[in-house]
Amino acid sequence: MSYFSEFKTLFQQWRLAWAEEWAHDHEYPRAVAAYTDIIARPSATAEMKAVALVGRGECRNSQGQFEEAMDDFNRALEVPGTSMALRAYALFNRGNCLEAHGFVEQGVEDYTRLIEMPHAPAEQKACALYNRGNYWEEHGQIEAALKDYTQALRTPGALAEVKACALGHRATLLSQRGYIQNAIDDYTQILEMPDATKEQKRLAREHRARWLVGQ
């Protein structure tokens, strides 16, 4: 690789990092402009273009631009030669976008595609399992919800926030079915998690106390 080619690659990586930082700070117009610049560059790698498409889709979704966001997620999934991790990331974000705009069943289909990917990153798979579990719970399919929450909890690398949420939902469903001690155990796990949020621990403490008094 020539010095000039290396410089172009580094510049695009910096540009991508700037775009991600602007998106994180909710400076969406600046982020979208940077992502668009990367997507348009012939020298950008397939992986870099797909990352930029997903990033731009996230920004557009945050701005309420549903159709534009969906177009970006679809294009990212169509880029050949991208990594499994990136495809999983695009599927998860497309599922979130669909769900947020009322296309819940289609969103769940994307979560299922991600879950069934053999080498999808554990963090994204756990998030997809938790989101799909929410769908089953809201539609009264309790066994399916419990199965997804439990699988999310057993996924190595799951985010602490996702694990705490899955424990809380599972505890609620277990208590409704009369498995009080199992529910108490789940609430206790939340309280013992160093990375659970204060709000998650507060709710777990309240619910556990209610069931302990009733025993």
N, C-alpha and C. Protein backbone atom coordinates (compact mmCIF):
# COMPACT_ATOMS: atom_id res chain seq x y z
N MET A 1 0.85 -1.19 0.00
CA MET A 1 0.00 0.00 0.00
C MET A 1 0.89 1.25 0.00
N SER A 2 0.57 2.20 -0.88
CA SER A 2 1.36 3.41 -0.97
C SER A 2 1.09 4.32 0.22
N TYR A 3 2.00 5.28 0.40
CA TYR A 3 1.84 6.24 1.50
C TYR A 3 0.52 7.00 1.34
N PHE A 4 0.20 7.38 0.08
CA PHE A 4 -1.03 8.14 -0.16
C PHE A 4 -2.26 7.30 0.17
N SER A 5 -2.22 6.02 -0.18
CA SER A 5 -3.35 5.13 0.12
C SER A 5 -3.52 4.96 1.62
N GLU A 6 -2.38 4.83 2.32
CA GLU A 6 -2.44 4.71 3.78
C GLU A 6 -3.03 5.97 4.39
N PHE A 7 -2.64 7.12 3.86
CA PHE A 7 -3.15 8.39 4.38
C PHE A 7 -4.66 8.48 4.17
N LYS A 8 -5.15 8.07 2.99
CA LYS A 8 -6.58 8.13 2.71
C LYS A 8 -7.35 7.21 3.66
N THR A 9 -6.78 6.02 3.91
CA THR A 9 -7.44 5.09 4.82
C THR A 9 -7.51 5.66 6.23
N LEU A 10 -6.40 6.24 6.69
CA LEU A 10 -6.38 6.84 8.02
C LEU A 10 -7.37 8.00 8.12
N PHE A 11 -7.42 8.81 7.06
CA PHE A 11 -8.33 9.96 7.07
C PHE A 11 -9.77 9.48 7.18
N GLN A 12 -10.11 8.43 6.45
CA GLN A 12 -11.48 7.90 6.49
C GLN A 12 -11.80 7.33 7.87
N GLN A 13 -10.81 6.69 8.49
CA GLN A 13 -11.02 6.17 9.84
C GLN A 13 -11.25 7.31 10.83
N TRP A 14 -10.47 8.37 10.69
CA TRP A 14 -10.67 9.55 11.55
C TRP A 14 -12.04 10.16 11.30
N ARG A 15 -12.41 10.25 10.02
CA ARG A 15 -13.70 10.82 9.66
C ARG A 15 -14.83 10.00 10.28
N LEU A 16 -14.68 8.69 10.25
CA LEU A 16 -15.69 7.81 10.84
C LEU A 16 -15.75 8.01 12.35
N ALA A 17 -14.60 8.14 12.98
CA ALA A 17 -14.56 8.37 14.43
C ALA A 17 -15.22 9.70 14.79
N TRP A 18 -14.97 10.73 13.98
CA TRP A 18 -15.63 12.03 14.22
C TRP A 18 -17.14 11.90 14.09
N ALA A 19 -17.58 11.19 13.06
CA ALA A 19 -19.01 11.02 12.84
C ALA A 19 -19.66 10.31 14.03
N GLU A 20 -19.01 9.27 14.53
CA GLU A 20 -19.55 8.54 15.67
C GLU A 20 -19.61 9.42 16.92
N GLU A 21 -18.60 10.26 17.09
CA GLU A 21 -18.58 11.18 18.24
C GLU A 21 -19.70 12.20 18.12
N TRP A 22 -19.89 12.76 16.93
CA TRP A 22 -20.97 13.73 16.72
C TRP A 22 -22.33 13.08 16.94
N ALA A 23 -22.49 11.85 16.46
CA ALA A 23 -23.76 11.14 16.66
C ALA A 23 -24.01 10.92 18.15
N HIS A 24 -22.96 10.55 18.88
CA HIS A 24 -23.07 10.33 20.33
C HIS A 24 -23.50 11.61 21.04
N ASP A 25 -23.03 12.76 20.53
CA ASP A 25 -23.36 14.05 21.13
C ASP A 25 -24.64 14.65 20.56
N HIS A 26 -25.38 13.86 19.77
CA HIS A 26 -26.64 14.29 19.15
C HIS A 26 -26.47 15.43 18.15
N GLU A 27 -25.29 15.56 17.60
CA GLU A 27 -25.05 16.54 16.53
C GLU A 27 -25.30 15.82 15.19
N TYR A 28 -26.56 15.50 14.96
CA TYR A 28 -26.91 14.62 13.85
C TYR A 28 -26.58 15.18 12.46
N PRO A 29 -26.84 16.46 12.18
CA PRO A 29 -26.50 16.96 10.83
C PRO A 29 -25.01 16.82 10.51
N ARG A 30 -24.14 17.11 11.48
CA ARG A 30 -22.70 16.96 11.25
C ARG A 30 -22.34 15.49 11.06
N ALA A 31 -22.94 14.63 11.87
CA ALA A 31 -22.65 13.20 11.76
C ALA A 31 -23.12 12.66 10.41
N VAL A 32 -24.32 13.04 10.00
CA VAL A 32 -24.86 12.57 8.72
C VAL A 32 -23.97 13.02 7.57
N ALA A 33 -23.50 14.27 7.62
CA ALA A 33 -22.62 14.78 6.57
C ALA A 33 -21.32 13.98 6.50
N ALA A 34 -20.76 13.64 7.65
CA ALA A 34 -19.51 12.88 7.68
C ALA A 34 -19.73 11.45 7.17
N TYR A 35 -20.81 10.82 7.62
CA TYR A 35 -21.12 9.47 7.14
C TYR A 35 -21.34 9.47 5.63
N THR A 36 -22.06 10.48 5.13
CA THR A 36 -22.35 10.57 3.70
C THR A 36 -21.07 10.72 2.90
N ASP A 37 -20.13 11.48 3.43
CA ASP A 37 -18.84 11.67 2.76
C ASP A 37 -18.10 10.34 2.63
N ILE A 38 -18.12 9.54 3.68
CA ILE A 38 -17.44 8.24 3.65
C ILE A 38 -18.11 7.30 2.65
N ILE A 39 -19.45 7.28 2.67
CA ILE A 39 -20.20 6.39 1.77
C ILE A 39 -19.90 6.71 0.31
N ALA A 40 -19.70 8.00 0.02
CA ALA A 40 -19.50 8.44 -1.37
C ALA A 40 -18.07 8.22 -1.87
N ARG A 41 -17.14 7.94 -0.98
CA ARG A 41 -15.73 7.82 -1.39
C ARG A 41 -15.45 6.46 -2.02
N PRO A 42 -14.97 6.42 -3.26
CA PRO A 42 -14.65 5.14 -3.91
C PRO A 42 -13.57 4.35 -3.17
N SER A 43 -12.70 5.06 -2.46
CA SER A 43 -11.58 4.38 -1.79
C SER A 43 -11.98 3.76 -0.45
N ALA A 44 -13.18 4.06 0.04
CA ALA A 44 -13.61 3.49 1.32
C ALA A 44 -13.85 1.99 1.17
N THR A 45 -13.45 1.22 2.16
CA THR A 45 -13.66 -0.23 2.12
C THR A 45 -15.14 -0.55 2.26
N ALA A 46 -15.51 -1.78 1.89
CA ALA A 46 -16.90 -2.21 2.02
C ALA A 46 -17.36 -2.15 3.47
N GLU A 47 -16.49 -2.59 4.38
CA GLU A 47 -16.83 -2.59 5.80
C GLU A 47 -17.06 -1.16 6.30
N MET A 48 -16.19 -0.24 5.87
CA MET A 48 -16.30 1.14 6.31
C MET A 48 -17.58 1.79 5.78
N LYS A 49 -17.91 1.49 4.52
CA LYS A 49 -19.15 2.04 3.95
C LYS A 49 -20.37 1.50 4.68
N ALA A 50 -20.35 0.22 5.00
CA ALA A 50 -21.49 -0.38 5.70
C ALA A 50 -21.63 0.21 7.10
N VAL A 51 -20.49 0.41 7.78
CA VAL A 51 -20.53 1.04 9.11
C VAL A 51 -21.12 2.44 9.01
N ALA A 52 -20.71 3.18 7.99
CA ALA A 52 -21.22 4.54 7.79
C ALA A 52 -22.72 4.52 7.48
N LEU A 53 -23.16 3.55 6.70
CA LEU A 53 -24.59 3.44 6.38
C LEU A 53 -25.41 3.17 7.64
N VAL A 54 -24.93 2.26 8.48
CA VAL A 54 -25.66 1.97 9.73
C VAL A 54 -25.65 3.21 10.63
N GLY A 55 -24.49 3.87 10.73
CA GLY A 55 -24.41 5.06 11.56
C GLY A 55 -25.34 6.16 11.08
N ARG A 56 -25.37 6.36 9.76
CA ARG A 56 -26.26 7.39 9.21
C ARG A 56 -27.72 7.00 9.43
N GLY A 57 -28.00 5.70 9.30
CA GLY A 57 -29.36 5.23 9.56
C GLY A 57 -29.80 5.50 10.99
N GLU A 58 -28.89 5.28 11.94
CA GLU A 58 -29.21 5.56 13.34
C GLU A 58 -29.52 7.04 13.54
N CYS A 59 -28.70 7.90 12.93
CA CYS A 59 -28.93 9.35 13.05
C CYS A 59 -30.28 9.73 12.46
N ARG A 60 -30.57 9.20 11.29
CA ARG A 60 -31.84 9.53 10.63
C ARG A 60 -33.02 9.00 11.43
N ASN A 61 -32.88 7.83 12.01
CA ASN A 61 -33.94 7.29 12.85
C ASN A 61 -34.17 8.19 14.07
N SER A 62 -33.08 8.67 14.66
CA SER A 62 -33.19 9.57 15.82
C SER A 62 -33.85 10.88 15.45
N GLN A 63 -33.77 11.26 14.18
CA GLN A 63 -34.40 12.50 13.70
C GLN A 63 -35.81 12.26 13.16
N GLY A 64 -36.30 11.02 13.30
CA GLY A 64 -37.65 10.71 12.85
C GLY A 64 -37.77 10.48 11.36
N GLN A 65 -36.64 10.27 10.68
CA GLN A 65 -36.65 10.06 9.23
C GLN A 65 -36.67 8.55 8.95
N PHE A 66 -37.85 7.97 9.11
CA PHE A 66 -37.99 6.51 9.06
C PHE A 66 -37.58 5.92 7.72
N GLU A 67 -38.13 6.43 6.63
CA GLU A 67 -37.85 5.84 5.32
C GLU A 67 -36.38 5.95 4.96
N GLU A 68 -35.77 7.10 5.26
CA GLU A 68 -34.35 7.28 4.96
C GLU A 68 -33.49 6.34 5.81
N ALA A 69 -33.88 6.18 7.08
CA ALA A 69 -33.14 5.28 7.97
C ALA A 69 -33.23 3.84 7.48
N MET A 70 -34.44 3.42 7.10
CA MET A 70 -34.62 2.06 6.61
C MET A 70 -33.81 1.82 5.34
N ASP A 71 -33.75 2.82 4.48
CA ASP A 71 -32.97 2.69 3.25
C ASP A 71 -31.49 2.46 3.58
N ASP A 72 -30.99 3.19 4.58
CA ASP A 72 -29.58 3.02 4.97
C ASP A 72 -29.33 1.64 5.56
N PHE A 73 -30.21 1.17 6.43
CA PHE A 73 -30.02 -0.15 7.03
C PHE A 73 -30.08 -1.24 5.95
N ASN A 74 -31.03 -1.10 5.03
CA ASN A 74 -31.14 -2.09 3.95
C ASN A 74 -29.89 -2.09 3.08
N ARG A 75 -29.39 -0.91 2.75
CA ARG A 75 -28.18 -0.82 1.93
C ARG A 75 -26.98 -1.42 2.66
N ALA A 76 -26.89 -1.19 3.96
CA ALA A 76 -25.78 -1.75 4.74
C ALA A 76 -25.79 -3.28 4.69
N LEU A 77 -26.98 -3.86 4.76
CA LEU A 77 -27.10 -5.32 4.73
C LEU A 77 -26.81 -5.89 3.35
N GLU A 78 -26.90 -5.05 2.32
CA GLU A 78 -26.64 -5.50 0.96
C GLU A 78 -25.18 -5.36 0.54
N VAL A 79 -24.37 -4.68 1.36
CA VAL A 79 -22.96 -4.51 1.01
C VAL A 79 -22.25 -5.86 1.10
N PRO A 80 -21.64 -6.33 0.02
CA PRO A 80 -20.99 -7.65 0.06
C PRO A 80 -19.68 -7.62 0.83
N GLY A 81 -19.36 -8.75 1.44
CA GLY A 81 -18.05 -8.90 2.08
C GLY A 81 -17.92 -8.28 3.45
N THR A 82 -19.03 -7.93 4.10
CA THR A 82 -18.93 -7.33 5.43
C THR A 82 -18.91 -8.43 6.50
N SER A 83 -18.49 -8.07 7.69
CA SER A 83 -18.34 -9.04 8.77
C SER A 83 -19.70 -9.44 9.34
N MET A 84 -19.72 -10.59 10.00
CA MET A 84 -20.92 -11.07 10.67
C MET A 84 -21.36 -10.09 11.76
N ALA A 85 -20.39 -9.52 12.47
CA ALA A 85 -20.71 -8.57 13.54
C ALA A 85 -21.43 -7.35 12.99
N LEU A 86 -20.98 -6.87 11.84
CA LEU A 86 -21.60 -5.69 11.25
C LEU A 86 -23.00 -6.00 10.75
N ARG A 87 -23.19 -7.17 10.16
CA ARG A 87 -24.52 -7.56 9.69
C ARG A 87 -25.48 -7.68 10.87
N ALA A 88 -24.99 -8.23 11.98
CA ALA A 88 -25.83 -8.34 13.18
C ALA A 88 -26.19 -6.96 13.70
N TYR A 89 -25.22 -6.05 13.68
CA TYR A 89 -25.46 -4.68 14.15
C TYR A 89 -26.51 -3.99 13.28
N ALA A 90 -26.42 -4.19 11.96
CA ALA A 90 -27.39 -3.59 11.05
C ALA A 90 -28.78 -4.18 11.26
N LEU A 91 -28.86 -5.49 11.45
CA LEU A 91 -30.15 -6.13 11.70
C LEU A 91 -30.78 -5.63 12.99
N PHE A 92 -29.97 -5.50 14.04
CA PHE A 92 -30.50 -5.04 15.32
C PHE A 92 -31.05 -3.62 15.21
N ASN A 93 -30.30 -2.76 14.53
CA ASN A 93 -30.75 -1.38 14.39
C ASN A 93 -31.97 -1.27 13.49
N ARG A 94 -32.04 -2.10 12.45
CA ARG A 94 -33.23 -2.08 11.60
C ARG A 94 -34.43 -2.58 12.39
N GLY A 95 -34.22 -3.62 13.21
CA GLY A 95 -35.31 -4.11 14.05
C GLY A 95 -35.80 -3.05 15.01
N ASN A 96 -34.88 -2.33 15.64
CA ASN A 96 -35.25 -1.25 16.54
C ASN A 96 -36.04 -0.17 15.82
N CYS A 97 -35.58 0.17 14.62
CA CYS A 97 -36.23 1.22 13.83
C CYS A 97 -37.65 0.80 13.47
N LEU A 98 -37.81 -0.42 13.01
CA LEU A 98 -39.14 -0.93 12.66
C LEU A 98 -40.07 -0.93 13.87
N GLU A 99 -39.55 -1.42 14.99
CA GLU A 99 -40.36 -1.50 16.20
C GLU A 99 -40.78 -0.11 16.69
N ALA A 100 -39.84 0.83 16.64
CA ALA A 100 -40.12 2.19 17.12
C ALA A 100 -41.19 2.89 16.29
N HIS A 101 -41.32 2.49 15.03
CA HIS A 101 -42.28 3.14 14.14
C HIS A 101 -43.54 2.30 13.93
N GLY A 102 -43.76 1.33 14.83
CA GLY A 102 -45.01 0.60 14.83
C GLY A 102 -45.02 -0.69 14.03
N PHE A 103 -43.92 -1.01 13.37
CA PHE A 103 -43.85 -2.25 12.60
C PHE A 103 -43.21 -3.34 13.48
N VAL A 104 -43.94 -3.68 14.54
CA VAL A 104 -43.37 -4.50 15.61
C VAL A 104 -43.04 -5.91 15.12
N GLU A 105 -43.97 -6.53 14.39
CA GLU A 105 -43.73 -7.90 13.93
C GLU A 105 -42.50 -7.98 13.02
N GLN A 106 -42.37 -6.99 12.14
CA GLN A 106 -41.19 -6.98 11.25
C GLN A 106 -39.91 -6.78 12.05
N GLY A 107 -40.00 -5.96 13.09
CA GLY A 107 -38.83 -5.76 13.95
C GLY A 107 -38.43 -7.05 14.64
N VAL A 108 -39.43 -7.79 15.12
CA VAL A 108 -39.16 -9.07 15.79
C VAL A 108 -38.54 -10.06 14.80
N GLU A 109 -38.96 -10.01 13.55
CA GLU A 109 -38.37 -10.88 12.53
C GLU A 109 -36.88 -10.61 12.38
N ASP A 110 -36.49 -9.33 12.44
CA ASP A 110 -35.06 -9.00 12.37
C ASP A 110 -34.32 -9.49 13.61
N TYR A 111 -34.94 -9.35 14.79
CA TYR A 111 -34.31 -9.87 16.00
C TYR A 111 -34.09 -11.38 15.88
N THR A 112 -35.09 -12.07 15.32
CA THR A 112 -34.99 -13.52 15.17
C THR A 112 -33.87 -13.88 14.20
N ARG A 113 -33.76 -13.14 13.11
CA ARG A 113 -32.66 -13.39 12.16
C ARG A 113 -31.31 -13.25 12.86
N LEU A 114 -31.19 -12.23 13.69
CA LEU A 114 -29.94 -12.01 14.42
C LEU A 114 -29.68 -13.16 15.39
N ILE A 115 -30.70 -13.54 16.14
CA ILE A 115 -30.56 -14.61 17.13
C ILE A 115 -30.12 -15.92 16.48
N GLU A 116 -30.60 -16.15 15.27
CA GLU A 116 -30.31 -17.41 14.57
C GLU A 116 -28.99 -17.38 13.81
N MET A 117 -28.32 -16.24 13.78
CA MET A 117 -27.00 -16.17 13.13
C MET A 117 -26.00 -16.95 13.97
N PRO A 118 -25.27 -17.89 13.39
CA PRO A 118 -24.41 -18.78 14.18
C PRO A 118 -23.28 -18.08 14.93
N HIS A 119 -22.76 -16.99 14.39
CA HIS A 119 -21.62 -16.34 15.04
C HIS A 119 -21.88 -14.86 15.32
N ALA A 120 -23.12 -14.53 15.60
CA ALA A 120 -23.45 -13.14 15.93
C ALA A 120 -22.81 -12.78 17.27
N PRO A 121 -22.36 -11.53 17.43
CA PRO A 121 -21.76 -11.12 18.70
C PRO A 121 -22.73 -11.33 19.86
N ALA A 122 -22.21 -11.82 20.97
CA ALA A 122 -23.05 -12.17 22.12
C ALA A 122 -23.82 -10.97 22.64
N GLU A 123 -23.19 -9.80 22.67
CA GLU A 123 -23.84 -8.60 23.20
C GLU A 123 -25.11 -8.28 22.42
N GLN A 124 -25.01 -8.33 21.08
CA GLN A 124 -26.16 -8.02 20.24
C GLN A 124 -27.21 -9.12 20.32
N LYS A 125 -26.77 -10.37 20.40
CA LYS A 125 -27.72 -11.48 20.49
C LYS A 125 -28.53 -11.38 21.78
N ALA A 126 -27.87 -11.04 22.88
CA ALA A 126 -28.58 -10.91 24.16
C ALA A 126 -29.61 -9.78 24.10
N CYS A 127 -29.24 -8.66 23.47
CA CYS A 127 -30.18 -7.54 23.32
C CYS A 127 -31.38 -7.95 22.48
N ALA A 128 -31.13 -8.68 21.40
CA ALA A 128 -32.22 -9.13 20.53
C ALA A 128 -33.14 -10.10 21.27
N LEU A 129 -32.56 -10.99 22.06
CA LEU A 129 -33.37 -11.93 22.85
C LEU A 129 -34.23 -11.18 23.86
N TYR A 130 -33.66 -10.18 24.51
CA TYR A 130 -34.43 -9.40 25.48
C TYR A 130 -35.58 -8.66 24.79
N ASN A 131 -35.30 -8.02 23.66
CA ASN A 131 -36.35 -7.29 22.94
C ASN A 131 -37.45 -8.23 22.46
N ARG A 132 -37.05 -9.40 21.95
CA ARG A 132 -38.07 -10.36 21.50
C ARG A 132 -38.87 -10.89 22.69
N GLY A 133 -38.19 -11.07 23.82
CA GLY A 133 -38.90 -11.49 25.03
C GLY A 133 -39.97 -10.48 25.43
N ASN A 134 -39.66 -9.19 25.30
CA ASN A 134 -40.65 -8.14 25.58
C ASN A 134 -41.88 -8.31 24.69
N TYR A 135 -41.62 -8.62 23.42
CA TYR A 135 -42.74 -8.79 22.48
C TYR A 135 -43.62 -9.97 22.91
N TRP A 136 -42.99 -11.11 23.23
CA TRP A 136 -43.78 -12.27 23.67
C TRP A 136 -44.57 -11.93 24.93
N GLU A 137 -43.93 -11.25 25.87
CA GLU A 137 -44.59 -10.90 27.13
C GLU A 137 -45.81 -10.01 26.87
N GLU A 138 -45.64 -9.01 26.02
CA GLU A 138 -46.74 -8.08 25.73
C GLU A 138 -47.90 -8.78 25.01
N HIS A 139 -47.60 -9.88 24.33
CA HIS A 139 -48.64 -10.60 23.60
C HIS A 139 -49.10 -11.87 24.33
N GLY A 140 -48.78 -11.95 25.62
CA GLY A 140 -49.29 -13.03 26.45
C GLY A 140 -48.65 -14.39 26.23
N GLN A 141 -47.54 -14.44 25.49
CA GLN A 141 -46.87 -15.71 25.25
C GLN A 141 -45.75 -15.88 26.30
N ILE A 142 -46.19 -16.25 27.49
CA ILE A 142 -45.31 -16.21 28.66
C ILE A 142 -44.17 -17.21 28.57
N GLU A 143 -44.45 -18.42 28.11
CA GLU A 143 -43.39 -19.43 28.02
C GLU A 143 -42.28 -18.97 27.07
N ALA A 144 -42.70 -18.40 25.93
CA ALA A 144 -41.71 -17.90 24.96
C ALA A 144 -40.91 -16.75 25.55
N ALA A 145 -41.59 -15.88 26.30
CA ALA A 145 -40.90 -14.75 26.93
C ALA A 145 -39.88 -15.23 27.95
N LEU A 146 -40.30 -16.17 28.81
CA LEU A 146 -39.38 -16.71 29.81
C LEU A 146 -38.17 -17.38 29.16
N LYS A 147 -38.41 -18.07 28.07
CA LYS A 147 -37.32 -18.74 27.37
C LYS A 147 -36.31 -17.73 26.83
N ASP A 148 -36.81 -16.64 26.23
CA ASP A 148 -35.90 -15.63 25.68
C ASP A 148 -35.15 -14.88 26.77
N TYR A 149 -35.84 -14.53 27.85
CA TYR A 149 -35.16 -13.83 28.95
C TYR A 149 -34.07 -14.73 29.55
N THR A 150 -34.38 -16.00 29.71
CA THR A 150 -33.39 -16.93 30.28
C THR A 150 -32.21 -17.11 29.35
N GLN A 151 -32.48 -17.21 28.05
CA GLN A 151 -31.39 -17.36 27.09
C GLN A 151 -30.52 -16.11 27.05
N ALA A 152 -31.14 -14.94 27.16
CA ALA A 152 -30.37 -13.69 27.21
C ALA A 152 -29.45 -13.68 28.42
N LEU A 153 -29.95 -14.16 29.55
CA LEU A 153 -29.16 -14.19 30.78
C LEU A 153 -28.00 -15.18 30.69
N ARG A 154 -28.18 -16.22 29.90
CA ARG A 154 -27.14 -17.24 29.76
C ARG A 154 -26.13 -16.90 28.67
N THR A 155 -26.34 -15.80 27.98
CA THR A 155 -25.44 -15.43 26.88
C THR A 155 -24.20 -14.74 27.44
N PRO A 156 -23.03 -15.33 27.28
CA PRO A 156 -21.81 -14.68 27.77
C PRO A 156 -21.59 -13.35 27.05
N GLY A 157 -21.21 -12.34 27.79
CA GLY A 157 -20.95 -11.05 27.16
C GLY A 157 -22.16 -10.14 27.09
N ALA A 158 -23.30 -10.57 27.65
CA ALA A 158 -24.48 -9.71 27.67
C ALA A 158 -24.21 -8.48 28.54
N LEU A 159 -24.72 -7.34 28.11
CA LEU A 159 -24.55 -6.11 28.88
C LEU A 159 -25.24 -6.24 30.24
N ALA A 160 -24.64 -5.63 31.26
CA ALA A 160 -25.20 -5.70 32.60
C ALA A 160 -26.61 -5.12 32.64
N GLU A 161 -26.83 -4.02 31.92
CA GLU A 161 -28.16 -3.40 31.89
C GLU A 161 -29.20 -4.34 31.31
N VAL A 162 -28.82 -5.06 30.25
CA VAL A 162 -29.73 -6.02 29.62
C VAL A 162 -30.02 -7.18 30.57
N LYS A 163 -28.99 -7.67 31.25
CA LYS A 163 -29.17 -8.78 32.19
C LYS A 163 -30.10 -8.37 33.33
N ALA A 164 -29.90 -7.16 33.86
CA ALA A 164 -30.75 -6.70 34.96
C ALA A 164 -32.21 -6.55 34.50
N CYS A 165 -32.40 -6.03 33.29
CA CYS A 165 -33.76 -5.89 32.76
C CYS A 165 -34.41 -7.26 32.54
N ALA A 166 -33.64 -8.20 32.00
CA ALA A 166 -34.17 -9.54 31.76
C ALA A 166 -34.53 -10.22 33.08
N LEU A 167 -33.70 -10.03 34.10
CA LEU A 167 -34.00 -10.60 35.42
C LEU A 167 -35.28 -10.00 35.99
N GLY A 168 -35.44 -8.68 35.85
CA GLY A 168 -36.63 -8.02 36.37
C GLY A 168 -37.90 -8.52 35.69
N HIS A 169 -37.86 -8.63 34.37
CA HIS A 169 -39.04 -9.11 33.64
C HIS A 169 -39.32 -10.58 33.97
N ARG A 170 -38.25 -11.38 34.04
CA ARG A 170 -38.46 -12.79 34.35
C ARG A 170 -39.04 -12.96 35.75
N ALA A 171 -38.55 -12.17 36.70
CA ALA A 171 -39.07 -12.24 38.06
C ALA A 171 -40.56 -11.91 38.10
N THR A 172 -40.96 -10.89 37.35
CA THR A 172 -42.38 -10.52 37.31
C THR A 172 -43.24 -11.66 36.79
N LEU A 173 -42.78 -12.28 35.70
CA LEU A 173 -43.55 -13.39 35.12
C LEU A 173 -43.58 -14.60 36.05
N LEU A 174 -42.45 -14.87 36.69
CA LEU A 174 -42.40 -16.01 37.62
C LEU A 174 -43.33 -15.79 38.80
N SER A 175 -43.35 -14.57 39.34
CA SER A 175 -44.22 -14.29 40.49
C SER A 175 -45.69 -14.41 40.09
N GLN A 176 -46.02 -14.00 38.86
CA GLN A 176 -47.40 -14.12 38.39
C GLN A 176 -47.83 -15.57 38.27
N ARG A 177 -46.86 -16.45 38.05
CA ARG A 177 -47.15 -17.88 37.93
C ARG A 177 -47.04 -18.61 39.27
N GLY A 178 -46.74 -17.87 40.32
CA GLY A 178 -46.70 -18.48 41.64
C GLY A 178 -45.34 -18.98 42.08
N TYR A 179 -44.31 -18.74 41.25
CA TYR A 179 -42.96 -19.18 41.61
C TYR A 179 -42.27 -18.04 42.38
N ILE A 180 -42.74 -17.83 43.59
CA ILE A 180 -42.32 -16.66 44.35
C ILE A 180 -40.83 -16.71 44.71
N GLN A 181 -40.36 -17.86 45.18
CA GLN A 181 -38.96 -17.94 45.57
C GLN A 181 -38.03 -17.72 44.38
N ASN A 182 -38.42 -18.23 43.21
CA ASN A 182 -37.62 -17.99 42.01
C ASN A 182 -37.58 -16.51 41.66
N ALA A 183 -38.72 -15.84 41.83
CA ALA A 183 -38.78 -14.41 41.57
C ALA A 183 -37.88 -13.65 42.56
N ILE A 184 -37.95 -14.03 43.83
CA ILE A 184 -37.10 -13.40 44.85
C ILE A 184 -35.63 -13.59 44.51
N ASP A 185 -35.29 -14.78 44.04
CA ASP A 185 -33.89 -15.06 43.66
C ASP A 185 -33.44 -14.14 42.52
N ASP A 186 -34.33 -13.90 41.56
CA ASP A 186 -33.97 -13.02 40.44
C ASP A 186 -33.78 -11.58 40.93
N TYR A 187 -34.67 -11.12 41.80
CA TYR A 187 -34.52 -9.76 42.34
C TYR A 187 -33.22 -9.65 43.14
N THR A 188 -32.88 -10.71 43.87
CA THR A 188 -31.64 -10.71 44.65
C THR A 188 -30.43 -10.62 43.73
N GLN A 189 -30.48 -11.32 42.60
CA GLN A 189 -29.37 -11.25 41.65
C GLN A 189 -29.16 -9.82 41.16
N ILE A 190 -30.26 -9.10 40.91
CA ILE A 190 -30.13 -7.70 40.47
C ILE A 190 -29.43 -6.88 41.55
N LEU A 191 -29.84 -7.07 42.80
CA LEU A 191 -29.26 -6.31 43.90
C LEU A 191 -27.78 -6.61 44.09
N GLU A 192 -27.36 -7.81 43.69
CA GLU A 192 -25.96 -8.20 43.85
C GLU A 192 -25.10 -7.84 42.65
N MET A 193 -25.72 -7.31 41.59
CA MET A 193 -24.97 -6.94 40.39
C MET A 193 -24.29 -5.59 40.60
N PRO A 194 -22.97 -5.53 40.47
CA PRO A 194 -22.28 -4.24 40.67
C PRO A 194 -22.60 -3.21 39.59
N ASP A 195 -23.01 -3.67 38.40
CA ASP A 195 -23.24 -2.74 37.29
C ASP A 195 -24.71 -2.44 37.04
N ALA A 196 -25.61 -2.97 37.85
CA ALA A 196 -27.02 -2.63 37.70
C ALA A 196 -27.22 -1.16 38.10
N THR A 197 -28.15 -0.49 37.45
CA THR A 197 -28.37 0.93 37.75
C THR A 197 -29.08 1.08 39.10
N LYS A 198 -29.02 2.29 39.64
CA LYS A 198 -29.69 2.57 40.91
C LYS A 198 -31.19 2.33 40.80
N GLU A 199 -31.77 2.72 39.66
CA GLU A 199 -33.21 2.53 39.47
C GLU A 199 -33.56 1.05 39.40
N GLN A 200 -32.75 0.27 38.71
CA GLN A 200 -33.01 -1.17 38.64
C GLN A 200 -32.93 -1.80 40.02
N LYS A 201 -31.96 -1.38 40.83
CA LYS A 201 -31.83 -1.92 42.17
C LYS A 201 -32.97 -1.46 43.08
N ARG A 202 -33.40 -0.22 42.90
CA ARG A 202 -34.51 0.28 43.71
C ARG A 202 -35.78 -0.53 43.45
N LEU A 203 -36.08 -0.76 42.18
CA LEU A 203 -37.27 -1.54 41.83
C LEU A 203 -37.15 -2.98 42.33
N ALA A 204 -35.97 -3.57 42.17
CA ALA A 204 -35.77 -4.95 42.63
C ALA A 204 -35.94 -5.04 44.15
N ARG A 205 -35.43 -4.04 44.86
CA ARG A 205 -35.54 -4.04 46.33
C ARG A 205 -37.00 -3.94 46.75
N GLU A 206 -37.76 -3.08 46.08
CA GLU A 206 -39.18 -2.91 46.42
C GLU A 206 -39.97 -4.18 46.16
N HIS A 207 -39.76 -4.77 44.99
CA HIS A 207 -40.51 -5.98 44.63
C HIS A 207 -40.13 -7.16 45.53
N ARG A 208 -38.84 -7.28 45.81
CA ARG A 208 -38.40 -8.39 46.67
C ARG A 208 -38.99 -8.25 48.07
N ALA A 209 -38.97 -7.02 48.59
CA ALA A 209 -39.52 -6.78 49.93
C ALA A 209 -41.00 -7.14 49.99
N ARG A 210 -41.73 -6.82 48.93
CA ARG A 210 -43.16 -7.13 48.89
C ARG A 210 -43.40 -8.63 48.99
N TRP A 211 -42.59 -9.40 48.26
CA TRP A 211 -42.79 -10.85 48.27
C TRP A 211 -42.25 -11.49 49.55
N LEU A 212 -41.18 -10.92 50.12
CA LEU A 212 -40.65 -11.46 51.37
C LEU A 212 -41.65 -11.28 52.52
N VAL A 213 -42.34 -10.15 52.52
CA VAL A 213 -43.35 -9.90 53.55
C VAL A 213 -44.50 -10.88 53.41
N GLY A 214 -44.82 -11.23 52.17
CA GLY A 214 -45.96 -12.11 51.92
C GLY A 214 -45.68 -13.57 52.18
N GLN A 215 -44.41 -13.92 52.38
CA GLN A 215 -44.08 -15.35 52.59
C GLN A 215 -44.44 -15.82 54.00
